[in-house]
Amino acid sequence: DIIVADENFGCGSSREHAPIAIKAAGVDVVIAKSFARIFYRNSINTGLAIMECPEAVDAISQGDVVSVDADAGVIVNETTGQTFEAQPFPPFIREIIEAGGLINRTKAKLGEE
């Protein structure tokens, strides 16, 4: 599942519980116009992919089928055929998200899997 949100998503959330709950609900990615900075970092630390793309948020309607290539920063509204570009994650952030969070990535790097 994908959440599409407006501006300053995650504002008021200073703990990692918010992105953990979103992941536990089955959400793979959150697309928003902007994110609260602490929520942004907590999301990455817990392995929740988040993408800032105001144009996509404005063009996606409830019920649209959306696909995301977070590595390339590409968002596709499959319902309308529109494609949007977001800033792709740098390699070290992709590693954290793909590992399922900062702790998992650190354990893997230290060989403690």
PDB file of N, CA and C in Angstrom:
ATOM      1  N   ASP A   1       0.826  -1.178   0.000  1.00  0.00           N
ATOM      2  CA  ASP A   1       0.000   0.000   0.000  1.00  0.00           C
ATOM      3  C   ASP A   1       0.876   1.249   0.000  1.00  0.00           C
ATOM      4  N   ILE A   2       0.287   2.330  -0.471  1.00  0.00           N
ATOM      5  CA  ILE A   2       0.980   3.611  -0.564  1.00  0.00           C
ATOM      6  C   ILE A   2       0.108   4.671   0.085  1.00  0.00           C
ATOM      7  N   ILE A   3       0.722   5.523   0.901  1.00  0.00           N
ATOM      8  CA  ILE A   3       0.027   6.687   1.442  1.00  0.00           C
ATOM      9  C   ILE A   3       0.447   7.890   0.610  1.00  0.00           C
ATOM     10  N   VAL A   4      -0.526   8.690   0.202  1.00  0.00           N
ATOM     11  CA  VAL A   4      -0.261   9.948  -0.489  1.00  0.00           C
ATOM     12  C   VAL A   4      -0.769  11.049   0.427  1.00  0.00           C
ATOM     13  N   ALA A   5       0.137  11.971   0.805  1.00  0.00           N
ATOM     14  CA  ALA A   5      -0.198  12.969   1.812  1.00  0.00           C
ATOM     15  C   ALA A   5       0.182  14.370   1.337  1.00  0.00           C
ATOM     16  N   ASP A   6      -0.256  15.344   2.079  1.00  0.00           N
ATOM     17  CA  ASP A   6      -0.022  16.742   1.733  1.00  0.00           C
ATOM     18  C   ASP A   6       1.313  17.221   2.317  1.00  0.00           C
ATOM     19  N   GLU A   7       1.335  18.401   2.864  1.00  0.00           N
ATOM     20  CA  GLU A   7       2.564  19.012   3.360  1.00  0.00           C
ATOM     21  C   GLU A   7       2.840  18.666   4.820  1.00  0.00           C
ATOM     22  N   ASN A   8       4.122  18.623   5.146  1.00  0.00           N
ATOM     23  CA  ASN A   8       4.592  18.445   6.510  1.00  0.00           C
ATOM     24  C   ASN A   8       4.079  17.159   7.154  1.00  0.00           C
ATOM     25  N   PHE A   9       4.017  16.088   6.360  1.00  0.00           N
ATOM     26  CA  PHE A   9       3.532  14.804   6.870  1.00  0.00           C
ATOM     27  C   PHE A   9       4.425  14.343   8.011  1.00  0.00           C
ATOM     28  N   GLY A  10       3.811  13.881   9.073  1.00  0.00           N
ATOM     29  CA  GLY A  10       4.537  13.400  10.236  1.00  0.00           C
ATOM     30  C   GLY A  10       4.812  14.461  11.271  1.00  0.00           C
ATOM     31  N   CYS A  11       4.310  15.677  11.062  1.00  0.00           N
ATOM     32  CA  CYS A  11       4.528  16.753  12.025  1.00  0.00           C
ATOM     33  C   CYS A  11       3.948  16.349  13.379  1.00  0.00           C
ATOM     34  N   GLY A  12       4.710  16.582  14.421  1.00  0.00           N
ATOM     35  CA  GLY A  12       4.268  16.231  15.760  1.00  0.00           C
ATOM     36  C   GLY A  12       4.724  14.858  16.193  1.00  0.00           C
ATOM     37  N   SER A  13       5.380  14.136  15.301  1.00  0.00           N
ATOM     38  CA  SER A  13       5.857  12.797  15.623  1.00  0.00           C
ATOM     39  C   SER A  13       7.356  12.854  15.869  1.00  0.00           C
ATOM     40  N   SER A  14       7.751  12.806  17.121  1.00  0.00           N
ATOM     41  CA  SER A  14       9.177  12.894  17.423  1.00  0.00           C
ATOM     42  C   SER A  14       9.799  11.535  17.739  1.00  0.00           C
ATOM     43  N   ARG A  15       9.016  10.493  17.696  1.00  0.00           N
ATOM     44  CA  ARG A  15       9.533   9.154  17.996  1.00  0.00           C
ATOM     45  C   ARG A  15       9.380   8.255  16.788  1.00  0.00           C
ATOM     46  N   GLU A  16      10.102   7.151  16.831  1.00  0.00           N
ATOM     47  CA  GLU A  16      10.085   6.229  15.688  1.00  0.00           C
ATOM     48  C   GLU A  16       8.813   5.396  15.610  1.00  0.00           C
ATOM     49  N   HIS A  17       7.943   5.513  16.598  1.00  0.00           N
ATOM     50  CA  HIS A  17       6.728   4.696  16.609  1.00  0.00           C
ATOM     51  C   HIS A  17       5.811   4.985  15.425  1.00  0.00           C
ATOM     52  N   ALA A  18       5.764   6.220  14.959  1.00  0.00           N
ATOM     53  CA  ALA A  18       4.875   6.560  13.842  1.00  0.00           C
ATOM     54  C   ALA A  18       5.259   5.818  12.558  1.00  0.00           C
ATOM     55  N   PRO A  19       6.512   5.888  12.088  1.00  0.00           N
ATOM     56  CA  PRO A  19       6.835   5.116  10.884  1.00  0.00           C
ATOM     57  C   PRO A  19       6.766   3.609  11.103  1.00  0.00           C
ATOM     58  N   ILE A  20       7.054   3.155  12.319  1.00  0.00           N
ATOM     59  CA  ILE A  20       6.931   1.720  12.603  1.00  0.00           C
ATOM     60  C   ILE A  20       5.478   1.289  12.453  1.00  0.00           C
ATOM     61  N   ALA A  21       4.548   2.084  12.959  1.00  0.00           N
ATOM     62  CA  ALA A  21       3.120   1.753  12.850  1.00  0.00           C
ATOM     63  C   ALA A  21       2.663   1.772  11.397  1.00  0.00           C
ATOM     64  N   ILE A  22       3.165   2.710  10.627  1.00  0.00           N
ATOM     65  CA  ILE A  22       2.798   2.791   9.208  1.00  0.00           C
ATOM     66  C   ILE A  22       3.288   1.541   8.482  1.00  0.00           C
ATOM     67  N   LYS A  23       4.540   1.138   8.743  1.00  0.00           N
ATOM     68  CA  LYS A  23       5.061  -0.089   8.137  1.00  0.00           C
ATOM     69  C   LYS A  23       4.259  -1.308   8.579  1.00  0.00           C
ATOM     70  N   ALA A  24       3.909  -1.365   9.860  1.00  0.00           N
ATOM     71  CA  ALA A  24       3.155  -2.507  10.390  1.00  0.00           C
ATOM     72  C   ALA A  24       1.770  -2.599   9.768  1.00  0.00           C
ATOM     73  N   ALA A  25       1.239  -1.478   9.318  1.00  0.00           N
ATOM     74  CA  ALA A  25      -0.065  -1.465   8.656  1.00  0.00           C
ATOM     75  C   ALA A  25       0.031  -1.926   7.198  1.00  0.00           C
ATOM     76  N   GLY A  26       1.249  -2.228   6.731  1.00  0.00           N
ATOM     77  CA  GLY A  26       1.418  -2.746   5.375  1.00  0.00           C
ATOM     78  C   GLY A  26       1.744  -1.702   4.334  1.00  0.00           C
ATOM     79  N   VAL A  27       2.078  -0.502   4.760  1.00  0.00           N
ATOM     80  CA  VAL A  27       2.423   0.562   3.822  1.00  0.00           C
ATOM     81  C   VAL A  27       3.892   0.413   3.429  1.00  0.00           C
ATOM     82  N   ASP A  28       4.151   0.432   2.122  1.00  0.00           N
ATOM     83  CA  ASP A  28       5.522   0.293   1.624  1.00  0.00           C
ATOM     84  C   ASP A  28       6.211   1.626   1.388  1.00  0.00           C
ATOM     85  N   VAL A  29       5.425   2.649   1.061  1.00  0.00           N
ATOM     86  CA  VAL A  29       6.001   3.957   0.749  1.00  0.00           C
ATOM     87  C   VAL A  29       4.985   5.051   1.053  1.00  0.00           C
ATOM     88  N   VAL A  30       5.501   6.199   1.476  1.00  0.00           N
ATOM     89  CA  VAL A  30       4.668   7.389   1.674  1.00  0.00           C
ATOM     90  C   VAL A  30       5.163   8.444   0.695  1.00  0.00           C
ATOM     91  N   ILE A  31       4.243   9.001  -0.067  1.00  0.00           N
ATOM     92  CA  ILE A  31       4.537  10.091  -0.995  1.00  0.00           C
ATOM     93  C   ILE A  31       3.858  11.326  -0.430  1.00  0.00           C
ATOM     94  N   ALA A  32       4.602  12.410  -0.269  1.00  0.00           N
ATOM     95  CA  ALA A  32       4.022  13.634   0.281  1.00  0.00           C
ATOM     96  C   ALA A  32       4.668  14.853  -0.361  1.00  0.00           C
ATOM     97  N   LYS A  33       4.014  16.000  -0.163  1.00  0.00           N
ATOM     98  CA  LYS A  33       4.598  17.256  -0.641  1.00  0.00           C
ATOM     99  C   LYS A  33       5.838  17.608   0.165  1.00  0.00           C
ATOM    100  N   SER A  34       5.800  17.317   1.462  1.00  0.00           N
ATOM    101  CA  SER A  34       6.963  17.521   2.325  1.00  0.00           C
ATOM    102  C   SER A  34       6.763  16.710   3.600  1.00  0.00           C
ATOM    103  N   PHE A  35       7.858  16.519   4.321  1.00  0.00           N
ATOM    104  CA  PHE A  35       7.829  15.741   5.560  1.00  0.00           C
ATOM    105  C   PHE A  35       8.428  16.560   6.689  1.00  0.00           C
ATOM    106  N   ALA A  36       7.906  16.336   7.890  1.00  0.00           N
ATOM    107  CA  ALA A  36       8.557  16.883   9.069  1.00  0.00           C
ATOM    108  C   ALA A  36       9.931  16.240   9.144  1.00  0.00           C
ATOM    109  N   ARG A  37      10.957  17.013   9.429  1.00  0.00           N
ATOM    110  CA  ARG A  37      12.333  16.511   9.364  1.00  0.00           C
ATOM    111  C   ARG A  37      12.595  15.328  10.288  1.00  0.00           C
ATOM    112  N   ILE A  38      12.103  15.380  11.506  1.00  0.00           N
ATOM    113  CA  ILE A  38      12.376  14.268  12.426  1.00  0.00           C
ATOM    114  C   ILE A  38      11.634  13.009  11.973  1.00  0.00           C
ATOM    115  N   PHE A  39      10.426  13.165  11.420  1.00  0.00           N
ATOM    116  CA  PHE A  39       9.698  12.021  10.879  1.00  0.00           C
ATOM    117  C   PHE A  39      10.462  11.441   9.691  1.00  0.00           C
ATOM    118  N   TYR A  40      11.004  12.307   8.854  1.00  0.00           N
ATOM    119  CA  TYR A  40      11.778  11.867   7.688  1.00  0.00           C
ATOM    120  C   TYR A  40      12.923  10.958   8.134  1.00  0.00           C
ATOM    121  N   ARG A  41      13.699  11.422   9.104  1.00  0.00           N
ATOM    122  CA  ARG A  41      14.844  10.628   9.553  1.00  0.00           C
ATOM    123  C   ARG A  41      14.409   9.360  10.265  1.00  0.00           C
ATOM    124  N   ASN A  42      13.360   9.447  11.087  1.00  0.00           N
ATOM    125  CA  ASN A  42      12.863   8.251  11.757  1.00  0.00           C
ATOM    126  C   ASN A  42      12.370   7.228  10.743  1.00  0.00           C
ATOM    127  N   SER A  43      11.772   7.696   9.649  1.00  0.00           N
ATOM    128  CA  SER A  43      11.297   6.780   8.608  1.00  0.00           C
ATOM    129  C   SER A  43      12.453   6.015   7.985  1.00  0.00           C
ATOM    130  N   ILE A  44      13.487   6.726   7.646  1.00  0.00           N
ATOM    131  CA  ILE A  44      14.658   6.068   7.063  1.00  0.00           C
ATOM    132  C   ILE A  44      15.269   5.104   8.075  1.00  0.00           C
ATOM    133  N   ASN A  45      15.412   5.543   9.317  1.00  0.00           N
ATOM    134  CA  ASN A  45      16.020   4.685  10.346  1.00  0.00           C
ATOM    135  C   ASN A  45      15.237   3.396  10.573  1.00  0.00           C
ATOM    136  N   THR A  46      13.928   3.425  10.328  1.00  0.00           N
ATOM    137  CA  THR A  46      13.113   2.227  10.516  1.00  0.00           C
ATOM    138  C   THR A  46      12.843   1.489   9.203  1.00  0.00           C
ATOM    139  N   GLY A  47      13.366   2.014   8.087  1.00  0.00           N
ATOM    140  CA  GLY A  47      13.232   1.328   6.807  1.00  0.00           C
ATOM    141  C   GLY A  47      11.965   1.629   6.039  1.00  0.00           C
ATOM    142  N   LEU A  48      11.293   2.727   6.353  1.00  0.00           N
ATOM    143  CA  LEU A  48      10.088   3.131   5.610  1.00  0.00           C
ATOM    144  C   LEU A  48      10.504   4.074   4.492  1.00  0.00           C
ATOM    145  N   ALA A  49      10.221   3.690   3.255  1.00  0.00           N
ATOM    146  CA  ALA A  49      10.550   4.543   2.112  1.00  0.00           C
ATOM    147  C   ALA A  49       9.577   5.722   2.055  1.00  0.00           C
ATOM    148  N   ILE A  50      10.143   6.920   1.918  1.00  0.00           N
ATOM    149  CA  ILE A  50       9.322   8.123   1.795  1.00  0.00           C
ATOM    150  C   ILE A  50       9.855   8.957   0.644  1.00  0.00           C
ATOM    151  N   MET A  51       8.943   9.573  -0.095  1.00  0.00           N
ATOM    152  CA  MET A  51       9.332  10.344  -1.267  1.00  0.00           C
ATOM    153  C   MET A  51       8.602  11.675  -1.282  1.00  0.00           C
ATOM    154  N   GLU A  52       9.345  12.751  -1.499  1.00  0.00           N
ATOM    155  CA  GLU A  52       8.752  14.076  -1.638  1.00  0.00           C
ATOM    156  C   GLU A  52       8.524  14.349  -3.116  1.00  0.00           C
ATOM    157  N   CYS A  53       7.254  14.593  -3.476  1.00  0.00           N
ATOM    158  CA  CYS A  53       6.927  14.902  -4.871  1.00  0.00           C
ATOM    159  C   CYS A  53       5.570  15.617  -4.919  1.00  0.00           C
ATOM    160  N   PRO A  54       5.581  16.948  -4.771  1.00  0.00           N
ATOM    161  CA  PRO A  54       4.322  17.696  -4.759  1.00  0.00           C
ATOM    162  C   PRO A  54       3.478  17.486  -6.012  1.00  0.00           C
ATOM    163  N   GLU A  55       4.128  17.365  -7.177  1.00  0.00           N
ATOM    164  CA  GLU A  55       3.382  17.189  -8.428  1.00  0.00           C
ATOM    165  C   GLU A  55       2.594  15.885  -8.430  1.00  0.00           C
ATOM    166  N   ALA A  56       3.201  14.824  -7.915  1.00  0.00           N
ATOM    167  CA  ALA A  56       2.500  13.536  -7.857  1.00  0.00           C
ATOM    168  C   ALA A  56       1.335  13.609  -6.893  1.00  0.00           C
ATOM    169  N   VAL A  57       1.541  14.238  -5.736  1.00  0.00           N
ATOM    170  CA  VAL A  57       0.469  14.355  -4.740  1.00  0.00           C
ATOM    171  C   VAL A  57      -0.736  15.066  -5.347  1.00  0.00           C
ATOM    172  N   ASP A  58      -0.482  16.143  -6.093  1.00  0.00           N
ATOM    173  CA  ASP A  58      -1.578  16.905  -6.699  1.00  0.00           C
ATOM    174  C   ASP A  58      -2.305  16.123  -7.790  1.00  0.00           C
ATOM    175  N   ALA A  59      -1.623  15.169  -8.415  1.00  0.00           N
ATOM    176  CA  ALA A  59      -2.215  14.452  -9.551  1.00  0.00           C
ATOM    177  C   ALA A  59      -2.808  13.095  -9.191  1.00  0.00           C
ATOM    178  N   ILE A  60      -2.542  12.598  -8.007  1.00  0.00           N
ATOM    179  CA  ILE A  60      -3.043  11.281  -7.608  1.00  0.00           C
ATOM    180  C   ILE A  60      -4.349  11.448  -6.845  1.00  0.00           C
ATOM    181  N   SER A  61      -5.345  10.674  -7.257  1.00  0.00           N
ATOM    182  CA  SER A  61      -6.652  10.697  -6.594  1.00  0.00           C
ATOM    183  C   SER A  61      -6.871   9.388  -5.847  1.00  0.00           C
ATOM    184  N   GLN A  62      -7.744   9.434  -4.853  1.00  0.00           N
ATOM    185  CA  GLN A  62      -8.066   8.226  -4.110  1.00  0.00           C
ATOM    186  C   GLN A  62      -8.560   7.156  -5.080  1.00  0.00           C
ATOM    187  N   GLY A  63      -8.049   5.958  -4.923  1.00  0.00           N
ATOM    188  CA  GLY A  63      -8.441   4.845  -5.785  1.00  0.00           C
ATOM    189  C   GLY A  63      -7.529   4.643  -6.978  1.00  0.00           C
ATOM    190  N   ASP A  64      -6.663   5.618  -7.286  1.00  0.00           N
ATOM    191  CA  ASP A  64      -5.725   5.446  -8.389  1.00  0.00           C
ATOM    192  C   ASP A  64      -4.730   4.345  -8.050  1.00  0.00           C
ATOM    193  N   VAL A  65      -4.304   3.631  -9.069  1.00  0.00           N
ATOM    194  CA  VAL A  65      -3.263   2.624  -8.910  1.00  0.00           C
ATOM    195  C   VAL A  65      -1.932   3.319  -9.163  1.00  0.00           C
ATOM    196  N   VAL A  66      -1.028   3.212  -8.195  1.00  0.00           N
ATOM    197  CA  VAL A  66       0.247   3.910  -8.267  1.00  0.00           C
ATOM    198  C   VAL A  66       1.380   2.907  -8.087  1.00  0.00           C
ATOM    199  N   SER A  67       2.422   3.055  -8.888  1.00  0.00           N
ATOM    200  CA  SER A  67       3.618   2.241  -8.701  1.00  0.00           C
ATOM    201  C   SER A  67       4.804   3.172  -8.454  1.00  0.00           C
ATOM    202  N   VAL A  68       5.781   2.655  -7.710  1.00  0.00           N
ATOM    203  CA  VAL A  68       6.919   3.473  -7.308  1.00  0.00           C
ATOM    204  C   VAL A  68       8.202   2.688  -7.528  1.00  0.00           C
ATOM    205  N   ASP A  69       9.174   3.347  -8.123  1.00  0.00           N
ATOM    206  CA  ASP A  69      10.538   2.836  -8.193  1.00  0.00           C
ATOM    207  C   ASP A  69      11.371   3.803  -7.355  1.00  0.00           C
ATOM    208  N   ALA A  70      11.508   3.492  -6.075  1.00  0.00           N
ATOM    209  CA  ALA A  70      12.196   4.391  -5.151  1.00  0.00           C
ATOM    210  C   ALA A  70      13.675   4.535  -5.507  1.00  0.00           C
ATOM    211  N   ASP A  71      14.281   3.498  -6.067  1.00  0.00           N
ATOM    212  CA  ASP A  71      15.691   3.574  -6.439  1.00  0.00           C
ATOM    213  C   ASP A  71      15.931   4.617  -7.524  1.00  0.00           C
ATOM    214  N   ALA A  72      14.998   4.701  -8.470  1.00  0.00           N
ATOM    215  CA  ALA A  72      15.122   5.661  -9.568  1.00  0.00           C
ATOM    216  C   ALA A  72      14.406   6.976  -9.267  1.00  0.00           C
ATOM    217  N   GLY A  73      13.563   6.987  -8.238  1.00  0.00           N
ATOM    218  CA  GLY A  73      12.800   8.181  -7.915  1.00  0.00           C
ATOM    219  C   GLY A  73      11.626   8.402  -8.846  1.00  0.00           C
ATOM    220  N   VAL A  74      11.078   7.323  -9.392  1.00  0.00           N
ATOM    221  CA  VAL A  74       9.986   7.433 -10.362  1.00  0.00           C
ATOM    222  C   VAL A  74       8.679   6.968  -9.738  1.00  0.00           C
ATOM    223  N   ILE A  75       7.653   7.795  -9.899  1.00  0.00           N
ATOM    224  CA  ILE A  75       6.302   7.494  -9.435  1.00  0.00           C
ATOM    225  C   ILE A  75       5.407   7.489 -10.658  1.00  0.00           C
ATOM    226  N   VAL A  76       4.631   6.412 -10.821  1.00  0.00           N
ATOM    227  CA  VAL A  76       3.743   6.311 -11.982  1.00  0.00           C
ATOM    228  C   VAL A  76       2.310   6.146 -11.495  1.00  0.00           C
ATOM    229  N   ASN A  77       1.443   7.024 -11.951  1.00  0.00           N
ATOM    230  CA  ASN A  77       0.017   6.867 -11.721  1.00  0.00           C
ATOM    231  C   ASN A  77      -0.472   5.968 -12.845  1.00  0.00           C
ATOM    232  N   GLU A  78      -0.616   4.692 -12.553  1.00  0.00           N
ATOM    233  CA  GLU A  78      -0.996   3.706 -13.572  1.00  0.00           C
ATOM    234  C   GLU A  78      -2.402   3.974 -14.098  1.00  0.00           C
ATOM    235  N   THR A  79      -3.235   4.608 -13.307  1.00  0.00           N
ATOM    236  CA  THR A  79      -4.605   4.908 -13.713  1.00  0.00           C
ATOM    237  C   THR A  79      -4.639   5.952 -14.822  1.00  0.00           C
ATOM    238  N   THR A  80      -3.807   6.997 -14.693  1.00  0.00           N
ATOM    239  CA  THR A  80      -3.823   8.087 -15.670  1.00  0.00           C
ATOM    240  C   THR A  80      -2.668   8.028 -16.657  1.00  0.00           C
ATOM    241  N   GLY A  81      -1.650   7.215 -16.336  1.00  0.00           N
ATOM    242  CA  GLY A  81      -0.473   7.133 -17.188  1.00  0.00           C
ATOM    243  C   GLY A  81       0.560   8.214 -16.929  1.00  0.00           C
ATOM    244  N   GLN A  82       0.327   9.069 -15.947  1.00  0.00           N
ATOM    245  CA  GLN A  82       1.275  10.141 -15.643  1.00  0.00           C
ATOM    246  C   GLN A  82       2.489   9.596 -14.895  1.00  0.00           C
ATOM    247  N   THR A  83       3.654  10.152 -15.214  1.00  0.00           N
ATOM    248  CA  THR A  83       4.898   9.778 -14.554  1.00  0.00           C
ATOM    249  C   THR A  83       5.492  11.010 -13.885  1.00  0.00           C
ATOM    250  N   PHE A  84       6.027  10.802 -12.688  1.00  0.00           N
ATOM    251  CA  PHE A  84       6.599  11.898 -11.916  1.00  0.00           C
ATOM    252  C   PHE A  84       7.982  11.501 -11.437  1.00  0.00           C
ATOM    253  N   GLU A  85       8.852  12.499 -11.280  1.00  0.00           N
ATOM    254  CA  GLU A  85      10.197  12.237 -10.799  1.00  0.00           C
ATOM    255  C   GLU A  85      10.394  12.878  -9.439  1.00  0.00           C
ATOM    256  N   ALA A  86      10.828  12.056  -8.503  1.00  0.00           N
ATOM    257  CA  ALA A  86      11.196  12.523  -7.171  1.00  0.00           C
ATOM    258  C   ALA A  86      12.700  12.329  -7.033  1.00  0.00           C
ATOM    259  N   GLN A  87      13.262  12.927  -6.023  1.00  0.00           N
ATOM    260  CA  GLN A  87      14.695  12.758  -5.775  1.00  0.00           C
ATOM    261  C   GLN A  87      14.946  11.327  -5.313  1.00  0.00           C
ATOM    262  N   PRO A  88      15.754  10.560  -6.045  1.00  0.00           N
ATOM    263  CA  PRO A  88      16.068   9.203  -5.572  1.00  0.00           C
ATOM    264  C   PRO A  88      16.949   9.268  -4.328  1.00  0.00           C
ATOM    265  N   PHE A  89      16.900   8.219  -3.533  1.00  0.00           N
ATOM    266  CA  PHE A  89      17.727   8.154  -2.341  1.00  0.00           C
ATOM    267  C   PHE A  89      19.186   7.942  -2.718  1.00  0.00           C
ATOM    268  N   PRO A  90      20.088   8.546  -1.974  1.00  0.00           N
ATOM    269  CA  PRO A  90      21.509   8.217  -2.165  1.00  0.00           C
ATOM    270  C   PRO A  90      21.735   6.747  -1.803  1.00  0.00           C
ATOM    271  N   PRO A  91      22.809   6.155  -2.308  1.00  0.00           N
ATOM    272  CA  PRO A  91      23.044   4.723  -2.071  1.00  0.00           C
ATOM    273  C   PRO A  91      23.019   4.308  -0.598  1.00  0.00           C
ATOM    274  N   PHE A  92      23.598   5.095   0.310  1.00  0.00           N
ATOM    275  CA  PHE A  92      23.635   4.676   1.714  1.00  0.00           C
ATOM    276  C   PHE A  92      22.240   4.676   2.335  1.00  0.00           C
ATOM    277  N   ILE A  93      21.362   5.567   1.906  1.00  0.00           N
ATOM    278  CA  ILE A  93      19.987   5.560   2.428  1.00  0.00           C
ATOM    279  C   ILE A  93      19.215   4.395   1.826  1.00  0.00           C
ATOM    280  N   ARG A  94      19.442   4.093   0.545  1.00  0.00           N
ATOM    281  CA  ARG A  94      18.807   2.915  -0.071  1.00  0.00           C
ATOM    282  C   ARG A  94      19.201   1.657   0.687  1.00  0.00           C
ATOM    283  N   GLU A  95      20.463   1.555   1.080  1.00  0.00           N
ATOM    284  CA  GLU A  95      20.920   0.389   1.845  1.00  0.00           C
ATOM    285  C   GLU A  95      20.159   0.262   3.162  1.00  0.00           C
ATOM    286  N   ILE A  96      19.951   1.369   3.839  1.00  0.00           N
ATOM    287  CA  ILE A  96      19.231   1.348   5.114  1.00  0.00           C
ATOM    288  C   ILE A  96      17.798   0.879   4.903  1.00  0.00           C
ATOM    289  N   ILE A  97      17.124   1.434   3.906  1.00  0.00           N
ATOM    290  CA  ILE A  97      15.729   1.065   3.643  1.00  0.00           C
ATOM    291  C   ILE A  97      15.628  -0.391   3.213  1.00  0.00           C
ATOM    292  N   GLU A  98      16.507  -0.813   2.309  1.00  0.00           N
ATOM    293  CA  GLU A  98      16.474  -2.198   1.825  1.00  0.00           C
ATOM    294  C   GLU A  98      16.773  -3.200   2.930  1.00  0.00           C
ATOM    295  N   ALA A  99      17.582  -2.795   3.906  1.00  0.00           N
ATOM    296  CA  ALA A  99      17.908  -3.684   5.028  1.00  0.00           C
ATOM    297  C   ALA A  99      16.781  -3.743   6.055  1.00  0.00           C
ATOM    298  N   GLY A 100      15.814  -2.849   5.929  1.00  0.00           N
ATOM    299  CA  GLY A 100      14.717  -2.808   6.890  1.00  0.00           C
ATOM    300  C   GLY A 100      14.980  -1.883   8.057  1.00  0.00           C
ATOM    301  N   GLY A 101      15.973  -1.004   7.902  1.00  0.00           N
ATOM    302  CA  GLY A 101      16.246  -0.026   8.936  1.00  0.00           C
ATOM    303  C   GLY A 101      17.722   0.063   9.268  1.00  0.00           C
ATOM    304  N   LEU A 102      18.055   1.090  10.036  1.00  0.00           N
ATOM    305  CA  LEU A 102      19.442   1.372  10.376  1.00  0.00           C
ATOM    306  C   LEU A 102      20.076   0.281  11.226  1.00  0.00           C
ATOM    307  N   ILE A 103      19.345  -0.247  12.179  1.00  0.00           N
ATOM    308  CA  ILE A 103      19.904  -1.305  13.037  1.00  0.00           C
ATOM    309  C   ILE A 103      20.216  -2.542  12.222  1.00  0.00           C
ATOM    310  N   ASN A 104      19.303  -2.944  11.353  1.00  0.00           N
ATOM    311  CA  ASN A 104      19.548  -4.123  10.513  1.00  0.00           C
ATOM    312  C   ASN A 104      20.738  -3.905   9.581  1.00  0.00           C
ATOM    313  N   ARG A 105      20.852  -2.705   9.007  1.00  0.00           N
ATOM    314  CA  ARG A 105      21.978  -2.424   8.113  1.00  0.00           C
ATOM    315  C   ARG A 105      23.290  -2.475   8.887  1.00  0.00           C
ATOM    316  N   THR A 106      23.291  -1.902  10.086  1.00  0.00           N
ATOM    317  CA  THR A 106      24.505  -1.893  10.900  1.00  0.00           C
ATOM    318  C   THR A 106      24.920  -3.310  11.268  1.00  0.00           C
ATOM    319  N   LYS A 107      23.939  -4.128  11.664  1.00  0.00           N
ATOM    320  CA  LYS A 107      24.256  -5.527  11.982  1.00  0.00           C
ATOM    321  C   LYS A 107      24.828  -6.249  10.765  1.00  0.00           C
ATOM    322  N   ALA A 108      24.246  -6.005   9.603  1.00  0.00           N
ATOM    323  CA  ALA A 108      24.742  -6.659   8.388  1.00  0.00           C
ATOM    324  C   ALA A 108      26.165  -6.202   8.075  1.00  0.00           C
ATOM    325  N   LYS A 109      26.435  -4.922   8.228  1.00  0.00           N
ATOM    326  CA  LYS A 109      27.776  -4.393   7.976  1.00  0.00           C
ATOM    327  C   LYS A 109      28.809  -4.960   8.945  1.00  0.00           C
ATOM    328  N   LEU A 110      28.360  -5.222  10.171  1.00  0.00           N
ATOM    329  CA  LEU A 110      29.266  -5.774  11.186  1.00  0.00           C
ATOM    330  C   LEU A 110      29.326  -7.297  11.141  1.00  0.00           C
ATOM    331  N   GLY A 111      28.514  -7.903  10.250  1.00  0.00           N
ATOM    332  CA  GLY A 111      28.500  -9.354  10.125  1.00  0.00           C
ATOM    333  C   GLY A 111      27.774 -10.059  11.251  1.00  0.00           C
ATOM    334  N   GLU A 112      26.785  -9.406  11.834  1.00  0.00           N
ATOM    335  CA  GLU A 112      26.054  -9.981  12.956  1.00  0.00           C
ATOM    336  C   GLU A 112      24.653 -10.434  12.577  1.00  0.00           C
ATOM    337  N   GLU A 113      24.440 -10.769  11.342  1.00  0.00           N
ATOM    338  CA  GLU A 113      23.091 -11.125  10.912  1.00  0.00           C
ATOM    339  C   GLU A 113      22.571 -12.330  11.607  1.00  0.00           C
TER     340      GLU A 113
END
